[in-house]
Protein backbone atom coordinates (compact mmCIF):
# COMPACT_ATOMS: atom_id res chain seq x y z
CA MET A 1 -3.30 22.76 -27.19
CA LYS A 2 -3.90 21.96 -23.44
CA VAL A 3 -1.69 19.91 -20.80
CA LEU A 4 -3.45 17.48 -18.22
CA LEU A 5 -0.67 16.79 -16.14
CA ALA A 6 -1.19 14.04 -13.40
CA ASN A 7 -1.03 14.00 -9.84
CA PRO A 8 0.56 11.83 -8.05
CA ARG A 9 3.40 11.37 -10.42
CA CYS A 10 7.33 10.45 -10.40
CA TYR A 11 9.24 10.12 -7.05
CA CYS A 12 7.83 7.72 -4.78
CA ALA A 13 8.50 7.40 -1.36
CA GLY A 14 10.84 4.39 -1.94
CA VAL A 15 12.85 5.95 -4.87
CA ASP A 16 13.17 9.48 -2.78
CA ARG A 17 14.74 7.04 0.20
CA ALA A 18 17.02 5.42 -2.44
CA VAL A 19 18.18 8.76 -3.72
CA GLN A 20 18.92 10.22 -0.50
CA ILE A 21 20.66 7.31 1.20
CA VAL A 22 23.40 7.65 -1.88
CA GLU A 23 23.33 11.46 -1.55
CA LEU A 24 23.84 11.20 1.94
CA ALA A 25 26.31 8.17 1.80
CA LEU A 26 28.16 10.80 -0.39
CA GLY A 27 28.23 13.35 1.83
CA ARG A 28 28.52 11.32 5.09
CA PHE A 29 31.25 9.23 3.57
CA GLY A 30 32.77 11.01 0.59
CA ALA A 31 33.63 9.78 -3.07
CA PRO A 32 33.09 7.00 -4.21
CA VAL A 33 30.12 5.00 -3.17
CA TYR A 34 29.68 2.10 -5.23
CA VAL A 35 26.21 0.87 -6.21
CA ARG A 36 25.32 -2.25 -7.36
CA LYS A 37 23.18 -1.96 -10.55
CA GLU A 38 21.12 1.43 -11.03
CA ILE A 39 19.90 2.43 -8.10
CA VAL A 40 16.59 3.31 -9.18
CA HIS A 41 15.70 2.88 -13.03
CA ASN A 42 15.99 6.60 -14.25
CA SER A 43 18.95 8.00 -16.61
CA PHE A 44 19.04 11.69 -15.36
CA VAL A 45 18.78 10.02 -11.58
CA VAL A 46 22.12 7.94 -12.19
CA ASN A 47 23.71 10.29 -14.44
CA ARG A 48 23.31 13.12 -11.81
CA LEU A 49 24.45 10.56 -8.62
CA ARG A 50 27.63 9.83 -11.17
CA GLY A 51 28.61 13.45 -11.02
CA LEU A 52 28.46 13.57 -7.44
CA GLY A 53 30.64 10.80 -7.33
CA ALA A 54 28.59 7.34 -7.13
CA VAL A 55 29.93 4.55 -9.24
CA PHE A 56 27.66 2.25 -10.63
CA VAL A 57 29.03 -1.83 -10.69
CA ASP A 58 26.94 -4.59 -12.31
CA GLU A 59 28.30 -7.12 -9.49
CA LEU A 60 30.31 -7.05 -6.12
CA PRO A 61 33.85 -8.41 -7.24
CA GLU A 62 33.85 -4.74 -9.06
CA VAL A 63 33.84 -3.30 -5.94
CA PRO A 64 37.01 -3.03 -4.02
CA ALA A 65 37.50 -5.09 -0.57
CA GLY A 66 36.17 -3.14 2.19
CA ALA A 67 34.74 -0.38 0.00
CA LEU A 68 31.14 0.77 0.54
CA VAL A 69 28.59 -0.04 -1.35
CA VAL A 70 24.50 0.60 -1.90
CA PHE A 71 22.11 -2.20 -2.89
CA SER A 72 19.63 -0.56 -5.12
CA ALA A 73 15.79 0.01 -3.97
CA HIS A 74 15.13 -2.91 -5.91
CA GLY A 75 16.30 -5.48 -3.81
CA VAL A 76 18.62 -8.16 -3.72
CA ALA A 77 19.00 -12.19 -2.78
CA PRO A 78 20.60 -13.35 0.27
CA ALA A 79 23.58 -14.53 -1.22
CA VAL A 80 24.46 -11.23 -2.41
CA PHE A 81 24.66 -10.17 1.27
CA GLU A 82 26.74 -13.25 1.65
CA GLU A 83 29.16 -12.29 -0.99
CA ALA A 84 29.22 -8.81 0.59
CA ARG A 85 30.10 -10.07 3.98
CA GLU A 86 32.84 -12.45 2.33
CA ARG A 87 34.55 -9.29 0.68
CA ASP A 88 34.55 -7.43 3.92
CA LEU A 89 32.26 -4.77 1.89
CA ARG A 90 30.39 -2.03 3.96
CA VAL A 91 26.53 -2.35 3.18
CA ILE A 92 23.98 0.35 3.05
CA ASP A 93 20.68 -1.58 1.94
CA ALA A 94 18.43 1.00 -0.15
CA THR A 95 15.89 -1.92 -0.78
CA CYS A 96 12.19 -0.42 -1.20
CA PRO A 97 10.47 -1.68 2.37
CA LEU A 98 7.67 -2.70 0.03
CA VAL A 99 9.56 -4.27 -1.76
CA SER A 100 11.55 -6.05 1.69
CA LYS A 101 8.04 -6.82 2.84
CA VAL A 102 7.40 -9.20 -0.33
CA HIS A 103 10.68 -10.74 0.85
CA LEU A 104 9.16 -11.54 3.87
CA GLU A 105 6.38 -13.00 2.83
CA VAL A 106 8.49 -15.33 0.66
CA LEU A 107 9.99 -16.85 4.06
CA ARG A 108 6.89 -16.78 5.57
CA PHE A 109 5.23 -18.88 3.13
CA VAL A 110 7.52 -21.16 2.53
CA LYS A 111 8.13 -21.68 5.84
CA GLU A 112 4.34 -22.67 5.85
CA GLY A 113 4.76 -25.15 3.34
CA TYR A 114 3.72 -23.13 0.05
CA HIS A 115 4.73 -23.59 -3.12
CA ILE A 116 5.31 -19.55 -4.47
CA VAL A 117 3.89 -18.24 -7.65
CA LEU A 118 5.32 -14.93 -8.33
CA ILE A 119 3.84 -13.22 -11.32
CA GLY A 120 6.64 -10.65 -12.67
CA ARG A 121 8.44 -9.94 -15.37
CA ARG A 122 11.79 -13.01 -16.18
CA GLY A 123 15.45 -10.64 -15.80
CA HIS A 124 13.84 -7.56 -13.81
CA GLU A 125 16.21 -6.94 -10.74
CA GLU A 126 13.10 -7.01 -8.33
CA VAL A 127 12.29 -10.71 -9.50
CA GLU A 128 15.78 -12.10 -9.18
CA GLY A 129 15.96 -10.47 -5.91
CA THR A 130 12.62 -12.03 -4.88
CA MET A 131 13.13 -15.12 -6.32
CA GLY A 132 16.73 -15.53 -4.92
CA HIS A 133 14.86 -15.79 -1.26
CA SER A 134 13.83 -19.51 -2.22
CA ALA A 135 14.45 -20.08 -5.99
CA ASP A 136 13.49 -23.93 -5.61
CA ASP A 137 9.81 -22.80 -3.72
CA ILE A 138 9.19 -20.17 -6.60
CA THR A 139 7.53 -20.23 -9.89
CA LEU A 140 7.58 -17.27 -12.40
CA VAL A 141 4.76 -16.68 -14.51
CA GLU A 142 4.94 -13.63 -16.72
CA ASN A 143 1.61 -13.53 -18.40
CA ALA A 144 -1.92 -15.14 -18.65
CA ASP A 145 -0.23 -18.03 -21.74
CA GLN A 146 2.59 -19.18 -19.17
CA ALA A 147 -0.33 -19.09 -16.21
CA ARG A 148 -2.24 -21.62 -18.20
CA THR A 149 0.32 -23.73 -19.38
CA LYS A 150 3.20 -23.90 -17.36
CA PRO A 151 4.51 -26.56 -15.19
CA PHE A 152 4.08 -26.29 -11.75
CA PRO A 153 5.31 -28.76 -9.23
CA GLU A 154 2.33 -30.86 -7.74
CA HIS A 155 1.77 -29.08 -4.52
CA ASP A 156 -1.71 -28.41 -2.19
CA LYS A 157 -0.71 -25.07 -1.46
CA LEU A 158 -0.04 -22.81 -3.93
CA MET A 159 0.09 -18.33 -2.79
CA VAL A 160 0.53 -15.57 -5.49
CA LEU A 161 2.69 -12.86 -4.95
CA THR A 162 3.87 -10.05 -7.43
CA GLN A 163 6.75 -7.98 -8.73
CA THR A 164 5.50 -4.71 -7.07
CA THR A 165 5.48 -1.95 -10.29
CA LEU A 166 3.68 -4.09 -12.27
CA SER A 167 0.13 -3.43 -13.50
CA VAL A 168 -3.03 -3.96 -11.76
CA ASP A 169 -4.90 -4.67 -14.92
CA ASP A 170 -2.07 -7.11 -16.42
CA THR A 171 -2.13 -8.74 -12.65
CA GLN A 172 -5.41 -9.22 -12.46
CA VAL A 173 -5.51 -11.09 -16.00
CA VAL A 174 -2.94 -13.73 -14.72
CA MET A 175 -4.54 -13.87 -11.55
CA ASN A 176 -8.11 -14.71 -13.28
CA ALA A 177 -6.00 -17.45 -15.65
CA LEU A 178 -4.35 -19.12 -12.26
CA ARG A 179 -7.65 -19.36 -10.37
CA THR A 180 -9.51 -20.78 -13.29
CA ARG A 181 -6.92 -23.80 -13.27
CA PHE A 182 -6.04 -23.91 -9.72
CA PRO A 183 -9.31 -22.93 -7.84
CA HIS A 184 -7.26 -23.55 -4.22
CA ILE A 185 -4.84 -21.16 -5.21
CA GLU A 186 -4.25 -18.48 -2.39
CA LEU A 187 -3.27 -14.56 -2.14
CA PRO A 188 -1.56 -12.88 0.10
CA PRO A 189 -3.18 -10.86 2.89
CA THR A 190 -2.54 -7.69 1.14
CA GLU A 191 -2.08 -6.32 -2.33
CA ASP A 192 1.92 -6.67 -3.37
CA ILE A 193 1.46 -4.09 -6.28
CA CYS A 194 2.55 -0.99 -3.97
CA TYR A 195 0.59 2.16 -3.12
CA ALA A 196 2.68 4.44 -6.05
CA THR A 197 2.17 2.13 -8.88
CA GLN A 198 -1.68 1.71 -8.58
CA ASN A 199 -1.75 5.89 -7.52
CA ARG A 200 0.30 6.29 -10.73
CA GLN A 201 -1.92 3.95 -12.99
CA ASN A 202 -4.74 5.62 -11.44
CA ALA A 203 -3.95 9.12 -12.22
CA VAL A 204 -3.68 7.66 -15.80
CA LYS A 205 -7.34 6.08 -15.82
CA GLU A 206 -8.79 9.47 -14.37
CA MET A 207 -6.71 11.80 -17.87
CA CYS A 208 -7.94 9.05 -20.25
CA ALA A 209 -11.16 9.41 -19.03
CA ARG A 210 -11.07 13.02 -19.65
CA GLY A 211 -10.30 12.51 -22.66
CA ILE A 212 -6.50 13.04 -23.48
CA ASP A 213 -5.46 12.52 -27.18
CA LEU A 214 -2.08 11.63 -26.27
CA LEU A 215 -0.04 10.80 -23.10
CA LEU A 216 3.70 11.12 -22.55
CA VAL A 217 4.82 9.31 -19.89
CA VAL A 218 8.41 10.42 -18.29
CA GLY A 219 10.78 7.67 -17.51
CA SER A 220 13.44 5.67 -18.58
CA GLN A 221 12.79 2.71 -21.43
CA ASN A 222 13.95 -0.04 -18.63
CA SER A 223 11.60 1.54 -15.78
CA SER A 224 8.93 -1.12 -15.42
CA ASN A 225 6.64 1.03 -13.69
CA ALA A 226 6.67 4.08 -16.61
CA ALA A 227 6.13 1.15 -18.97
CA ARG A 228 3.25 0.47 -17.36
CA LEU A 229 1.57 3.84 -17.66
CA VAL A 230 1.97 3.83 -21.31
CA GLU A 231 0.02 0.24 -21.43
CA THR A 232 -2.61 1.52 -18.77
CA ALA A 233 -3.44 4.32 -21.62
CA GLU A 234 -2.96 2.29 -24.63
CA VAL A 235 -5.23 -0.22 -23.22
CA ARG A 236 -8.03 2.67 -22.79
CA GLY A 237 -7.48 3.62 -26.70
CA VAL A 238 -4.86 6.54 -25.94
CA ARG A 239 -1.77 6.82 -27.27
CA GLY A 240 1.11 6.79 -25.44
CA ARG A 241 4.97 7.18 -25.54
CA LEU A 242 7.68 6.76 -23.12
CA ILE A 243 10.38 9.20 -23.11
CA ASP A 244 13.07 10.28 -20.84
CA GLY A 245 12.88 13.61 -21.64
CA ALA A 246 12.15 16.76 -23.65
CA HIS A 247 14.72 15.91 -26.03
CA GLU A 248 13.12 12.64 -27.16
CA ILE A 249 9.24 14.39 -27.92
CA ASP A 250 8.96 14.52 -31.53
CA PRO A 251 6.56 17.20 -32.69
CA ALA A 252 4.59 15.32 -34.68
CA TRP A 253 3.35 13.49 -32.05
CA THR A 254 1.02 16.31 -31.09
CA ALA A 255 -0.49 17.35 -34.70
CA GLY A 256 -4.38 17.46 -33.95
CA VAL A 257 -3.91 16.94 -30.05
CA LYS A 258 -6.13 19.26 -28.31
CA LEU A 259 -5.43 17.43 -25.07
CA VAL A 260 -1.89 15.92 -23.75
CA GLY A 261 -1.41 14.00 -20.77
CA VAL A 262 1.61 14.21 -18.94
CA THR A 263 2.99 12.24 -16.33
CA GLY A 264 6.42 10.85 -14.62
CA GLY A 265 7.23 7.21 -13.42
CA ALA A 266 7.59 6.47 -9.74
CA SER A 267 11.76 6.95 -10.33
CA THR A 268 11.62 9.92 -12.66
CA PRO A 269 12.45 13.65 -10.88
CA ASP A 270 9.99 16.02 -11.15
CA GLU A 271 12.52 18.64 -13.08
CA VAL A 272 12.04 16.03 -15.87
CA VAL A 273 8.76 16.37 -16.03
CA GLU A 274 8.65 20.25 -15.81
CA GLY A 275 11.20 20.38 -18.63
CA VAL A 276 8.69 18.09 -20.79
CA ILE A 277 6.31 21.03 -20.15
CA ALA A 278 8.35 23.59 -21.20
CA ARG A 279 9.08 21.66 -24.40
CA LEU A 280 5.43 21.43 -25.20
CA LYS A 281 4.69 24.96 -24.40
CA GLU A 282 7.56 25.84 -27.04
CA LEU A 283 5.24 23.40 -29.58
CA GLY A 284 2.13 25.31 -28.94
CA ALA A 285 0.60 23.88 -25.53
CA GLY A 286 -1.14 26.80 -23.47
CA GLU A 287 -2.89 26.03 -20.47
CA VAL A 288 -1.33 23.06 -17.91
CA VAL A 289 -4.68 22.17 -15.61
CA LEU A 290 -3.59 19.86 -12.91
CA SER A 291 -5.65 16.18 -12.72
CA SER A 292 -5.45 14.88 -8.93
CA THR A 293 -6.69 11.40 -8.03
CA THR A 294 -5.29 11.36 -4.50
CA GLU A 295 -2.50 12.83 -2.08
CA GLU A 296 0.59 11.01 -0.90
CA ASN A 297 2.58 11.68 2.43
CA THR A 298 4.26 8.03 2.54
CA VAL A 299 7.89 8.59 4.16
CA PHE A 300 10.21 5.64 4.76
CA GLN A 301 13.22 5.68 7.32
CA LEU A 302 16.40 6.24 6.51
CA PRO A 303 18.91 3.37 7.20
CA VAL A 304 20.53 3.97 10.88
CA ILE A 305 24.18 5.38 10.24
CA LEU A 306 22.59 7.84 7.89
CA ARG A 307 20.48 9.31 10.49
CA ARG A 308 22.83 9.78 13.25
CA ASN A 309 24.40 13.26 13.29
CA GLY A 310 28.04 11.98 14.58
CA GLU A 311 30.94 11.06 12.09
CA THR A 312 32.96 8.66 14.15
CA GLU A 313 30.30 5.73 15.25
CA ALA A 314 31.23 2.17 14.86
CA TRP A 315 29.62 0.27 11.99
CA SER A 316 27.22 -2.28 12.66
CA PRO A 317 25.18 -4.85 10.78
CA ALA A 318 21.89 -3.29 11.67
CA ASP A 319 23.42 0.07 10.23
CA SER A 320 22.53 -0.98 6.72
CA GLY A 321 18.96 -0.70 7.23
CA SER A 322 17.80 -3.95 5.75
CA VAL A 323 15.46 -4.53 8.53
CA SER A 324 15.02 -1.39 10.65
CA SER A 325 13.64 0.66 7.49
CA SER A 326 9.51 1.34 7.77
CA ALA A 327 6.45 3.39 6.92
CA GLY A 328 6.62 6.57 8.61
């Protein structure tokens, strides 16, 4: 059995920034640092940060008044910021700048008189945060059937936005259905599906084209982008499995497999993928070959408060990084 290892894989720039924010906040301000929701959807990352002193909470009432709280990479609604202000919480915003871009698009297009059609998954934190920016002006569409049948308010101007971590293929199917129903529907100037999601799906497509018999995607069950990687393989006739780590590999999966593909979702640390490779070698894998489709060099700036050298500067609202973050 030979292993084909995807490149790019694992951490994207937004995830790397979010994890660094929690680590640096712990180093600068000490434990505990509270984090609303999981900073990223990966159990390994969450458990490691918890061991360093991060306290993960579902909602802000669980955070003591005046404490420091980090908002996750998936973004939040403006009401969450308002709640934090009311409770005198210090906030560091770890929202991925690409998600923040979608939030700004919502505000822009609503101001221009559009009704937003948001393609996404109900209940996902990113979708909840995006809809919270103007819920009355957004209709969520999860699939092509909803695109064909879901009631929409009568509106002359419709604009499509998307959750950043969806499959490009899935989004296209929904988009086609929307265009058939609403020929006048418009797309934003740039794609909202993030570069990292696209790159990791392209890497899986390439491995499928090279004849893998099995794809192991390393990522947690609640990771949308990791789940989409499995789907990308399965629609191409390749058996896919989403695993949290090496401990979840069933040796029976590799029976008769000559070429196994391995990748990691955008919120998965590479060290967890390395553990999967080690386990496959125990199960008889020999050569590991890198399958590269592109190189990534995107870096997002950290919030101002975490880029300072001193420890005693006064805290200001701009320090949260919710506005100042940008691609570098």
